[in-house]
Structure formats: structure tokens, C-alpha cells
Amino acid sequence: MSSVSGSGERILAILDLFSEARPEWTSDDMRTALGYSRPTLYRYLKTLKDAGYLTSLSSGSFALGPKVTELDYLMTRADPMIRHGTAELNALAARFPGSAFLARWYGSSLLCVASVVSSDTPRSSYPRGRPMPLGRGAISRAIAAALPARERRRIVGHHLSDFAGAGVGDSIEDVMAALRDVRRDGVAVAWDEVTPGVVGVAAAILAGEQTPLGALCLSSDETEMTAEKLGEVRAAVRAASERVTAGINRAALPHAGAA
């Protein structure tokens, strides 16, 4: 039974049903999941279909519609992290064989929004558009470390089993201590945590009052990652994220002479 109120929230709740595990829904299943009356649900479905957010399938179920693709295109053109980060991704991928990518942080979710691949045999479990795990991987720790202490502790508490499974620590205090190290170093490293045989190096991208927008990451084959190369990658990723952060924040400043 849904607890959302207001037509806007109730319509968004329909869109939130769709996931990688379940990309198609029948109207009966939607009613069961959300608790909407049949007339209310059908009114919302018509609105979403007419706007292109949903489409009907021959099976009688619904899937996300073409408007979602249109919005994705517009997002890639407008997102400041992508605008300021694309050149950095290209430079990192040219220097270090592997996958360089940007991950957005929103709500309590992580999502790859841009990537550049330079490896002949790229390996990634999370291509663009697929949500990433929170609590495992370099990106997760880079972002968690950049959060204010209270929010950091809340995230760690909610995802302690994932952090513990990544070998960061068994208790909240252990994980908090590990995240303080990441915050101090400005970069996080993860071996075999998200994709087997891959090492990820990530640094947070910040905006405003040091609020994490997301992270920049380079993932490489662990067999090619020597101690010397890891040091180079750590420095390069940290420097790239700092340049993206600086570019975003410069662009956000009021124009000279503006009221």
C-alpha cells in the first residue's frame, strides 16, 4: 500500500516501480503494489502514456516510454558534471587503459552518467544508466567520505553489511575511521569489490558547501596495477576530480555585474 500523497507524488510512484529486475508492469500489479483505485490508476496511466513516459506492450503490460530517452539526451547536454568532466575522462582513459567514468549521487543512489573506455577488453558490471551499489566500491567510499559527518554515519549505519563485506570494517566506528582516511587522502581504492579482477580508484566531485555531486573513477585490470602505477592513478584521479570541482563551482558563480 502506497503512503504517498498528492497527484505528483503518486504519478512518480508509478515510474519508481520500474527497475532492472522488473522493467514491465501490468495495471493489476501496479494497483496491488501502490494501492490506487482502478479509476485513479487508469487516469495516471493515461497521463503518463500521453506524455510519452510510458508505453503499452502487446502483452498488456507497460514499460517506460520514449520521453525517458529524450530526457536522458537533455540531461547529458545540461549536467555540469558531464560538461566539465568529459575532457578529464578522455585524458585519464588515454593515459591509463581501462574505463574512466562519472557517477552521480542523488538521494541515496549512485548512477554512472558518462564513461570513456580505452581498454581492448573492458570489464564493468555497471555501465551508464545502471545503479551502482552503495557501500561497496571506491565510488561509494569516495562519496560517503565527502558527506557531512552526521549524514556519513547515517549512510554507514544503513549499509553496514555492505561496507563490512568490502573489508572496510565490522563496526560503524571502523568504517567511519576508514572513511576519515579517504577524506584525508582525497581518493578511495577498491580491489575486486564491484567487478571481479578490477581495481577502482575514485575521488569525489564537490559543489557548493563541499556537498558531493558524485565521483570520478578509473577502473583497471588488477593484473596491470603495480604499486607504482597505483600511485600515479591515485594522483591523476584526485587531480582530475579537483579540476572538475573547480570548473563546476566557477561556472556557478554570479556573473560580474549581475544583480
C-alpha atoms as a PDB file:
ATOM      1  CA  MET A   1       0.000   0.000   0.000  1.00  0.00           C
ATOM      2  CA  SER A   2       1.406   3.361  -1.009  1.00  0.00           C
ATOM      3  CA  SER A   3       1.853   6.120   1.577  1.00  0.00           C
ATOM      4  CA  VAL A   4       2.499   8.923  -0.928  1.00  0.00           C
ATOM      5  CA  SER A   5       0.122  11.853  -1.149  1.00  0.00           C
ATOM      6  CA  GLY A   6      -0.621  14.360  -3.898  1.00  0.00           C
ATOM      7  CA  SER A   7      -1.084  13.557  -7.578  1.00  0.00           C
ATOM      8  CA  GLY A   8       2.500  14.466  -8.475  1.00  0.00           C
ATOM      9  CA  GLU A   9       3.994  12.113  -5.912  1.00  0.00           C
ATOM     10  CA  ARG A  10       1.510   9.398  -6.824  1.00  0.00           C
ATOM     11  CA  ILE A  11       2.423   9.613 -10.500  1.00  0.00           C
ATOM     12  CA  LEU A  12       6.130   9.499  -9.672  1.00  0.00           C
ATOM     13  CA  ALA A  13       5.489   6.416  -7.553  1.00  0.00           C
ATOM     14  CA  ILE A  14       4.302   4.642 -10.710  1.00  0.00           C
ATOM     15  CA  LEU A  15       7.535   5.461 -12.525  1.00  0.00           C
ATOM     16  CA  ASP A  16       9.549   4.329  -9.498  1.00  0.00           C
ATOM     17  CA  LEU A  17       8.110   0.832  -9.867  1.00  0.00           C
ATOM     18  CA  PHE A  18      10.196   0.180 -12.975  1.00  0.00           C
ATOM     19  CA  SER A  19      13.608  -1.344 -12.369  1.00  0.00           C
ATOM     20  CA  GLU A  20      16.232  -3.571 -13.963  1.00  0.00           C
ATOM     21  CA  ALA A  21      14.723  -6.528 -12.115  1.00  0.00           C
ATOM     22  CA  ARG A  22      11.229  -5.647 -13.301  1.00  0.00           C
ATOM     23  CA  PRO A  23      11.054  -3.422 -16.402  1.00  0.00           C
ATOM     24  CA  GLU A  24       7.410  -4.312 -17.206  1.00  0.00           C
ATOM     25  CA  TRP A  25       4.274  -3.965 -15.074  1.00  0.00           C
ATOM     26  CA  THR A  26       0.611  -4.791 -15.571  1.00  0.00           C
ATOM     27  CA  SER A  27      -2.016  -2.402 -14.275  1.00  0.00           C
ATOM     28  CA  ASP A  28      -3.275  -5.041 -11.822  1.00  0.00           C
ATOM     29  CA  ASP A  29       0.211  -5.458 -10.349  1.00  0.00           C
ATOM     30  CA  MET A  30       0.561  -1.689 -10.096  1.00  0.00           C
ATOM     31  CA  ARG A  31      -2.709  -1.480  -8.171  1.00  0.00           C
ATOM     32  CA  THR A  32      -1.529  -4.204  -5.795  1.00  0.00           C
ATOM     33  CA  ALA A  33       1.830  -2.525  -5.238  1.00  0.00           C
ATOM     34  CA  LEU A  34       0.549   1.029  -4.851  1.00  0.00           C
ATOM     35  CA  GLY A  35      -2.974   0.620  -3.521  1.00  0.00           C
ATOM     36  CA  TYR A  36      -4.535   3.035  -6.023  1.00  0.00           C
ATOM     37  CA  SER A  37      -8.160   2.695  -7.068  1.00  0.00           C
ATOM     38  CA  ARG A  38      -8.715   1.466 -10.609  1.00  0.00           C
ATOM     39  CA  PRO A  39     -10.083   4.822 -11.911  1.00  0.00           C
ATOM     40  CA  THR A  40      -7.216   6.748 -10.294  1.00  0.00           C
ATOM     41  CA  LEU A  41      -4.556   4.420 -11.682  1.00  0.00           C
ATOM     42  CA  TYR A  42      -6.038   4.473 -15.179  1.00  0.00           C
ATOM     43  CA  ARG A  43      -6.160   8.274 -15.120  1.00  0.00           C
ATOM     44  CA  TYR A  44      -2.476   8.427 -14.149  1.00  0.00           C
ATOM     45  CA  LEU A  45      -1.518   5.816 -16.740  1.00  0.00           C
ATOM     46  CA  LYS A  46      -3.276   7.778 -19.479  1.00  0.00           C
ATOM     47  CA  THR A  47      -1.429  10.935 -18.426  1.00  0.00           C
ATOM     48  CA  LEU A  48       1.932   9.124 -18.482  1.00  0.00           C
ATOM     49  CA  LYS A  49       1.215   7.439 -21.831  1.00  0.00           C
ATOM     50  CA  ASP A  50       0.044  10.654 -23.487  1.00  0.00           C
ATOM     51  CA  ALA A  51       3.241  12.384 -22.328  1.00  0.00           C
ATOM     52  CA  GLY A  52       5.432   9.530 -23.573  1.00  0.00           C
ATOM     53  CA  TYR A  53       6.706   8.405 -20.166  1.00  0.00           C
ATOM     54  CA  LEU A  54       5.033   5.005 -20.514  1.00  0.00           C
ATOM     55  CA  THR A  55       4.186   2.823 -23.471  1.00  0.00           C
ATOM     56  CA  SER A  56       1.792  -0.137 -23.796  1.00  0.00           C
ATOM     57  CA  LEU A  57       3.189  -3.528 -24.767  1.00  0.00           C
ATOM     58  CA  SER A  58       1.448  -6.236 -26.770  1.00  0.00           C
ATOM     59  CA  SER A  59       1.389  -8.389 -23.627  1.00  0.00           C
ATOM     60  CA  GLY A  60      -0.925  -5.862 -21.990  1.00  0.00           C
ATOM     61  CA  SER A  61       1.716  -4.562 -19.631  1.00  0.00           C
ATOM     62  CA  PHE A  62       3.504  -1.216 -19.523  1.00  0.00           C
ATOM     63  CA  ALA A  63       7.142  -0.186 -19.972  1.00  0.00           C
ATOM     64  CA  LEU A  64       8.982   3.121 -19.862  1.00  0.00           C
ATOM     65  CA  GLY A  65       8.405   5.225 -22.966  1.00  0.00           C
ATOM     66  CA  PRO A  66      10.434   7.342 -25.412  1.00  0.00           C
ATOM     67  CA  LYS A  67      10.172  10.526 -23.330  1.00  0.00           C
ATOM     68  CA  VAL A  68      12.643   8.965 -20.895  1.00  0.00           C
ATOM     69  CA  THR A  69      15.211   8.697 -23.701  1.00  0.00           C
ATOM     70  CA  GLU A  70      14.585  12.305 -24.672  1.00  0.00           C
ATOM     71  CA  LEU A  71      15.162  13.457 -21.101  1.00  0.00           C
ATOM     72  CA  ASP A  72      18.344  11.395 -20.921  1.00  0.00           C
ATOM     73  CA  TYR A  73      19.673  13.191 -24.004  1.00  0.00           C
ATOM     74  CA  LEU A  74      18.860  16.575 -22.486  1.00  0.00           C
ATOM     75  CA  MET A  75      20.444  15.595 -19.180  1.00  0.00           C
ATOM     76  CA  THR A  76      23.746  14.705 -20.831  1.00  0.00           C
ATOM     77  CA  ARG A  77      23.817  18.127 -22.507  1.00  0.00           C
ATOM     78  CA  ALA A  78      22.980  20.092 -19.364  1.00  0.00           C
ATOM     79  CA  ASP A  79      24.636  18.203 -16.498  1.00  0.00           C
ATOM     80  CA  PRO A  80      27.589  20.360 -15.321  1.00  0.00           C
ATOM     81  CA  MET A  81      29.446  17.307 -14.080  1.00  0.00           C
ATOM     82  CA  ILE A  82      29.388  15.791 -17.564  1.00  0.00           C
ATOM     83  CA  ARG A  83      30.169  19.127 -19.216  1.00  0.00           C
ATOM     84  CA  HIS A  84      33.237  19.759 -17.064  1.00  0.00           C
ATOM     85  CA  GLY A  85      34.246  16.130 -16.660  1.00  0.00           C
ATOM     86  CA  THR A  86      34.263  14.727 -20.199  1.00  0.00           C
ATOM     87  CA  ALA A  87      37.703  16.101 -21.082  1.00  0.00           C
ATOM     88  CA  GLU A  88      39.087  14.648 -17.847  1.00  0.00           C
ATOM     89  CA  LEU A  89      37.626  11.239 -18.666  1.00  0.00           C
ATOM     90  CA  ASN A  90      39.236  11.314 -22.103  1.00  0.00           C
ATOM     91  CA  ALA A  91      42.609  12.274 -20.635  1.00  0.00           C
ATOM     92  CA  LEU A  92      42.508   9.571 -17.954  1.00  0.00           C
ATOM     93  CA  ALA A  93      41.432   6.855 -20.383  1.00  0.00           C
ATOM     94  CA  ALA A  94      44.186   7.857 -22.819  1.00  0.00           C
ATOM     95  CA  ARG A  95      46.810   7.683 -20.082  1.00  0.00           C
ATOM     96  CA  PHE A  96      45.638   4.547 -18.263  1.00  0.00           C
ATOM     97  CA  PRO A  97      43.984   1.631 -20.128  1.00  0.00           C
ATOM     98  CA  GLY A  98      40.632   0.880 -18.555  1.00  0.00           C
ATOM     99  CA  SER A  99      37.333   2.665 -18.001  1.00  0.00           C
ATOM    100  CA  ALA A 100      37.057   6.257 -16.785  1.00  0.00           C
ATOM    101  CA  PHE A 101      33.612   7.314 -15.712  1.00  0.00           C
ATOM    102  CA  LEU A 102      31.490   9.777 -13.773  1.00  0.00           C
ATOM    103  CA  ALA A 103      28.926   8.645 -11.208  1.00  0.00           C
ATOM    104  CA  ARG A 104      26.109  10.886  -9.984  1.00  0.00           C
ATOM    105  CA  TRP A 105      24.968  10.877  -6.349  1.00  0.00           C
ATOM    106  CA  TYR A 106      21.267  11.576  -5.846  1.00  0.00           C
ATOM    107  CA  GLY A 107      19.120  10.746  -2.855  1.00  0.00           C
ATOM    108  CA  SER A 108      20.870   7.615  -1.652  1.00  0.00           C
ATOM    109  CA  SER A 109      21.703   6.264  -5.089  1.00  0.00           C
ATOM    110  CA  LEU A 110      24.721   6.135  -7.396  1.00  0.00           C
ATOM    111  CA  LEU A 111      24.441   6.107 -11.171  1.00  0.00           C
ATOM    112  CA  CYS A 112      27.049   6.127 -13.932  1.00  0.00           C
ATOM    113  CA  VAL A 113      26.207   9.060 -16.239  1.00  0.00           C
ATOM    114  CA  ALA A 114      29.249   9.178 -18.557  1.00  0.00           C
ATOM    115  CA  SER A 115      32.172   6.934 -19.418  1.00  0.00           C
ATOM    116  CA  VAL A 116      35.168   6.597 -21.722  1.00  0.00           C
ATOM    117  CA  VAL A 117      36.757   3.199 -22.368  1.00  0.00           C
ATOM    118  CA  SER A 118      40.308   2.676 -23.597  1.00  0.00           C
ATOM    119  CA  SER A 119      40.868  -0.996 -22.756  1.00  0.00           C
ATOM    120  CA  ASP A 120      40.593  -3.566 -25.540  1.00  0.00           C
ATOM    121  CA  THR A 121      38.657  -5.824 -23.184  1.00  0.00           C
ATOM    122  CA  PRO A 122      36.735  -3.506 -20.834  1.00  0.00           C
ATOM    123  CA  ARG A 123      35.129  -5.066 -17.799  1.00  0.00           C
ATOM    124  CA  SER A 124      32.391  -3.305 -15.928  1.00  0.00           C
ATOM    125  CA  SER A 125      29.307  -4.552 -14.118  1.00  0.00           C
ATOM    126  CA  TYR A 126      27.781  -1.084 -14.078  1.00  0.00           C
ATOM    127  CA  PRO A 127      27.528   0.596 -17.484  1.00  0.00           C
ATOM    128  CA  ARG A 128      25.963   4.007 -17.934  1.00  0.00           C
ATOM    129  CA  GLY A 129      22.453   4.167 -16.536  1.00  0.00           C
ATOM    130  CA  ARG A 130      22.688   1.141 -14.236  1.00  0.00           C
ATOM    131  CA  PRO A 131      22.501   1.956 -10.491  1.00  0.00           C
ATOM    132  CA  MET A 132      25.636   1.143  -8.506  1.00  0.00           C
ATOM    133  CA  PRO A 133      25.813  -0.421  -5.049  1.00  0.00           C
ATOM    134  CA  LEU A 134      26.086   1.846  -2.042  1.00  0.00           C
ATOM    135  CA  GLY A 135      28.583   0.522   0.498  1.00  0.00           C
ATOM    136  CA  ARG A 136      30.865  -1.317  -1.920  1.00  0.00           C
ATOM    137  CA  GLY A 137      33.466   0.080  -4.267  1.00  0.00           C
ATOM    138  CA  ALA A 138      35.737   3.086  -4.495  1.00  0.00           C
ATOM    139  CA  ILE A 139      32.983   5.434  -5.705  1.00  0.00           C
ATOM    140  CA  SER A 140      30.766   4.608  -2.757  1.00  0.00           C
ATOM    141  CA  ARG A 141      33.538   5.300  -0.241  1.00  0.00           C
ATOM    142  CA  ALA A 142      34.723   8.458  -2.002  1.00  0.00           C
ATOM    143  CA  ILE A 143      31.234   9.940  -1.814  1.00  0.00           C
ATOM    144  CA  ALA A 144      30.468   8.708   1.707  1.00  0.00           C
ATOM    145  CA  ALA A 145      33.741  10.202   2.941  1.00  0.00           C
ATOM    146  CA  ALA A 146      32.805  13.598   1.481  1.00  0.00           C
ATOM    147  CA  LEU A 147      29.439  13.761   3.238  1.00  0.00           C
ATOM    148  CA  PRO A 148      28.954  15.735   6.463  1.00  0.00           C
ATOM    149  CA  ALA A 149      29.742  13.566   9.498  1.00  0.00           C
ATOM    150  CA  ARG A 150      26.111  13.066  10.554  1.00  0.00           C
ATOM    151  CA  GLU A 151      24.971  12.051   7.076  1.00  0.00           C
ATOM    152  CA  ARG A 152      28.058   9.843   6.688  1.00  0.00           C
ATOM    153  CA  ARG A 153      27.204   7.979   9.888  1.00  0.00           C
ATOM    154  CA  ARG A 154      23.589   7.525   8.764  1.00  0.00           C
ATOM    155  CA  ILE A 155      24.673   6.050   5.425  1.00  0.00           C
ATOM    156  CA  VAL A 156      27.178   3.743   7.106  1.00  0.00           C
ATOM    157  CA  GLY A 157      24.553   2.549   9.583  1.00  0.00           C
ATOM    158  CA  HIS A 158      22.058   1.761   6.823  1.00  0.00           C
ATOM    159  CA  HIS A 159      24.614  -0.071   4.682  1.00  0.00           C
ATOM    160  CA  LEU A 160      26.961  -1.506   7.299  1.00  0.00           C
ATOM    161  CA  SER A 161      26.761  -5.064   5.948  1.00  0.00           C
ATOM    162  CA  ASP A 162      27.905  -3.846   2.512  1.00  0.00           C
ATOM    163  CA  PHE A 163      30.779  -1.818   3.947  1.00  0.00           C
ATOM    164  CA  ALA A 164      31.761  -4.767   6.151  1.00  0.00           C
ATOM    165  CA  GLY A 165      31.566  -7.143   3.203  1.00  0.00           C
ATOM    166  CA  ALA A 166      34.007  -4.890   1.353  1.00  0.00           C
ATOM    167  CA  GLY A 167      36.513  -5.399   4.167  1.00  0.00           C
ATOM    168  CA  VAL A 168      36.364  -1.802   5.388  1.00  0.00           C
ATOM    169  CA  GLY A 169      35.451  -2.760   8.949  1.00  0.00           C
ATOM    170  CA  ASP A 170      32.948  -4.710  11.009  1.00  0.00           C
ATOM    171  CA  SER A 171      31.530  -1.846  13.055  1.00  0.00           C
ATOM    172  CA  ILE A 172      30.238   1.640  12.358  1.00  0.00           C
ATOM    173  CA  GLU A 173      33.270   3.113  14.100  1.00  0.00           C
ATOM    174  CA  ASP A 174      35.657   1.011  11.982  1.00  0.00           C
ATOM    175  CA  VAL A 175      34.006   2.173   8.771  1.00  0.00           C
ATOM    176  CA  MET A 176      33.897   5.791   9.928  1.00  0.00           C
ATOM    177  CA  ALA A 177      37.636   5.629  10.651  1.00  0.00           C
ATOM    178  CA  ALA A 178      38.308   4.190   7.170  1.00  0.00           C
ATOM    179  CA  LEU A 179      36.214   6.947   5.593  1.00  0.00           C
ATOM    180  CA  ARG A 180      38.139   9.599   7.500  1.00  0.00           C
ATOM    181  CA  ASP A 181      41.294   8.225   5.856  1.00  0.00           C
ATOM    182  CA  VAL A 182      39.629   8.536   2.438  1.00  0.00           C
ATOM    183  CA  ARG A 183      38.539  12.072   3.237  1.00  0.00           C
ATOM    184  CA  ARG A 184      42.105  12.959   4.258  1.00  0.00           C
ATOM    185  CA  ASP A 185      43.667  11.366   1.165  1.00  0.00           C
ATOM    186  CA  GLY A 186      41.003  12.665  -1.222  1.00  0.00           C
ATOM    187  CA  VAL A 187      40.826   9.326  -3.025  1.00  0.00           C
ATOM    188  CA  ALA A 188      39.451   5.806  -2.436  1.00  0.00           C
ATOM    189  CA  VAL A 189      40.761   2.499  -3.792  1.00  0.00           C
ATOM    190  CA  ALA A 190      38.828  -0.774  -4.078  1.00  0.00           C
ATOM    191  CA  TRP A 191      40.073  -4.168  -5.244  1.00  0.00           C
ATOM    192  CA  ASP A 192      37.645  -6.839  -6.521  1.00  0.00           C
ATOM    193  CA  GLU A 193      34.662  -5.262  -4.773  1.00  0.00           C
ATOM    194  CA  VAL A 194      32.259  -4.418  -7.579  1.00  0.00           C
ATOM    195  CA  THR A 195      33.679  -6.324 -10.561  1.00  0.00           C
ATOM    196  CA  PRO A 196      35.998  -9.343 -10.062  1.00  0.00           C
ATOM    197  CA  GLY A 197      39.565  -8.706 -11.220  1.00  0.00           C
ATOM    198  CA  VAL A 198      39.118  -4.940 -11.368  1.00  0.00           C
ATOM    199  CA  VAL A 199      40.602  -2.210  -9.183  1.00  0.00           C
ATOM    200  CA  GLY A 200      38.763   1.086  -8.927  1.00  0.00           C
ATOM    201  CA  VAL A 201      40.204   4.448  -7.897  1.00  0.00           C
ATOM    202  CA  ALA A 202      37.712   7.251  -7.223  1.00  0.00           C
ATOM    203  CA  ALA A 203      37.580  10.805  -5.905  1.00  0.00           C
ATOM    204  CA  ALA A 204      34.519  12.878  -5.036  1.00  0.00           C
ATOM    205  CA  ILE A 205      33.334  15.820  -7.115  1.00  0.00           C
ATOM    206  CA  LEU A 206      32.036  18.571  -4.856  1.00  0.00           C
ATOM    207  CA  ALA A 207      29.738  21.530  -5.247  1.00  0.00           C
ATOM    208  CA  GLY A 208      28.588  24.415  -3.106  1.00  0.00           C
ATOM    209  CA  GLU A 209      29.493  23.960   0.527  1.00  0.00           C
ATOM    210  CA  GLN A 210      31.517  20.804  -0.098  1.00  0.00           C
ATOM    211  CA  THR A 211      28.447  18.743  -0.984  1.00  0.00           C
ATOM    212  CA  PRO A 212      29.270  15.687  -3.138  1.00  0.00           C
ATOM    213  CA  LEU A 213      27.652  15.747  -6.563  1.00  0.00           C
ATOM    214  CA  GLY A 214      29.210  12.447  -7.478  1.00  0.00           C
ATOM    215  CA  ALA A 215      32.621  10.987  -8.196  1.00  0.00           C
ATOM    216  CA  LEU A 216      35.167  10.446 -10.928  1.00  0.00           C
ATOM    217  CA  CYS A 217      36.581   6.930 -11.157  1.00  0.00           C
ATOM    218  CA  LEU A 218      39.102   4.926 -13.148  1.00  0.00           C
ATOM    219  CA  SER A 219      38.761   1.148 -13.182  1.00  0.00           C
ATOM    220  CA  SER A 220      41.584  -1.054 -14.466  1.00  0.00           C
ATOM    221  CA  ASP A 221      42.562  -4.705 -14.661  1.00  0.00           C
ATOM    222  CA  GLU A 222      44.168  -5.535 -11.328  1.00  0.00           C
ATOM    223  CA  THR A 223      46.850  -7.654 -13.014  1.00  0.00           C
ATOM    224  CA  GLU A 224      48.234  -4.488 -14.616  1.00  0.00           C
ATOM    225  CA  MET A 225      48.115  -2.385 -11.442  1.00  0.00           C
ATOM    226  CA  THR A 226      51.592  -2.216  -9.938  1.00  0.00           C
ATOM    227  CA  ALA A 227      52.265  -0.214  -6.772  1.00  0.00           C
ATOM    228  CA  GLU A 228      53.952   2.484  -8.857  1.00  0.00           C
ATOM    229  CA  LYS A 229      51.094   2.682 -11.321  1.00  0.00           C
ATOM    230  CA  LEU A 230      48.545   2.793  -8.499  1.00  0.00           C
ATOM    231  CA  GLY A 231      50.297   5.824  -7.075  1.00  0.00           C
ATOM    232  CA  GLU A 232      50.125   7.530 -10.470  1.00  0.00           C
ATOM    233  CA  VAL A 233      46.444   6.675 -10.891  1.00  0.00           C
ATOM    234  CA  ARG A 234      45.571   7.927  -7.403  1.00  0.00           C
ATOM    235  CA  ALA A 235      47.281  11.259  -8.062  1.00  0.00           C
ATOM    236  CA  ALA A 236      45.734  11.613 -11.524  1.00  0.00           C
ATOM    237  CA  VAL A 237      42.193  10.798 -10.380  1.00  0.00           C
ATOM    238  CA  ARG A 238      42.416  13.146  -7.417  1.00  0.00           C
ATOM    239  CA  ALA A 239      43.749  15.992  -9.570  1.00  0.00           C
ATOM    240  CA  ALA A 240      41.095  15.397 -12.252  1.00  0.00           C
ATOM    241  CA  SER A 241      38.274  15.468  -9.709  1.00  0.00           C
ATOM    242  CA  GLU A 242      39.623  18.698  -8.240  1.00  0.00           C
ATOM    243  CA  ARG A 243      39.647  20.316 -11.685  1.00  0.00           C
ATOM    244  CA  VAL A 244      36.074  19.209 -12.352  1.00  0.00           C
ATOM    245  CA  THR A 245      35.006  20.525  -8.946  1.00  0.00           C
ATOM    246  CA  ALA A 246      36.721  23.864  -9.632  1.00  0.00           C
ATOM    247  CA  GLY A 247      35.118  24.165 -13.067  1.00  0.00           C
ATOM    248  CA  ILE A 248      31.624  23.463 -11.741  1.00  0.00           C
ATOM    249  CA  ASN A 249      31.975  25.953  -8.913  1.00  0.00           C
ATOM    250  CA  ARG A 250      33.424  28.679 -11.157  1.00  0.00           C
ATOM    251  CA  ALA A 251      30.524  28.280 -13.549  1.00  0.00           C
ATOM    252  CA  ALA A 252      28.064  28.585 -10.656  1.00  0.00           C
ATOM    253  CA  LEU A 253      29.395  31.987  -9.560  1.00  0.00           C
ATOM    254  CA  PRO A 254      27.180  35.008 -10.386  1.00  0.00           C
ATOM    255  CA  HIS A 255      28.263  36.911 -13.481  1.00  0.00           C
ATOM    256  CA  ALA A 256      30.084  40.128 -12.870  1.00  0.00           C
ATOM    257  CA  GLY A 257      27.621  42.990 -12.616  1.00  0.00           C
ATOM    258  CA  ALA A 258      24.667  40.719 -12.092  1.00  0.00           C
ATOM    259  CA  ALA A 259      22.052  41.891  -9.631  1.00  0.00           C
END
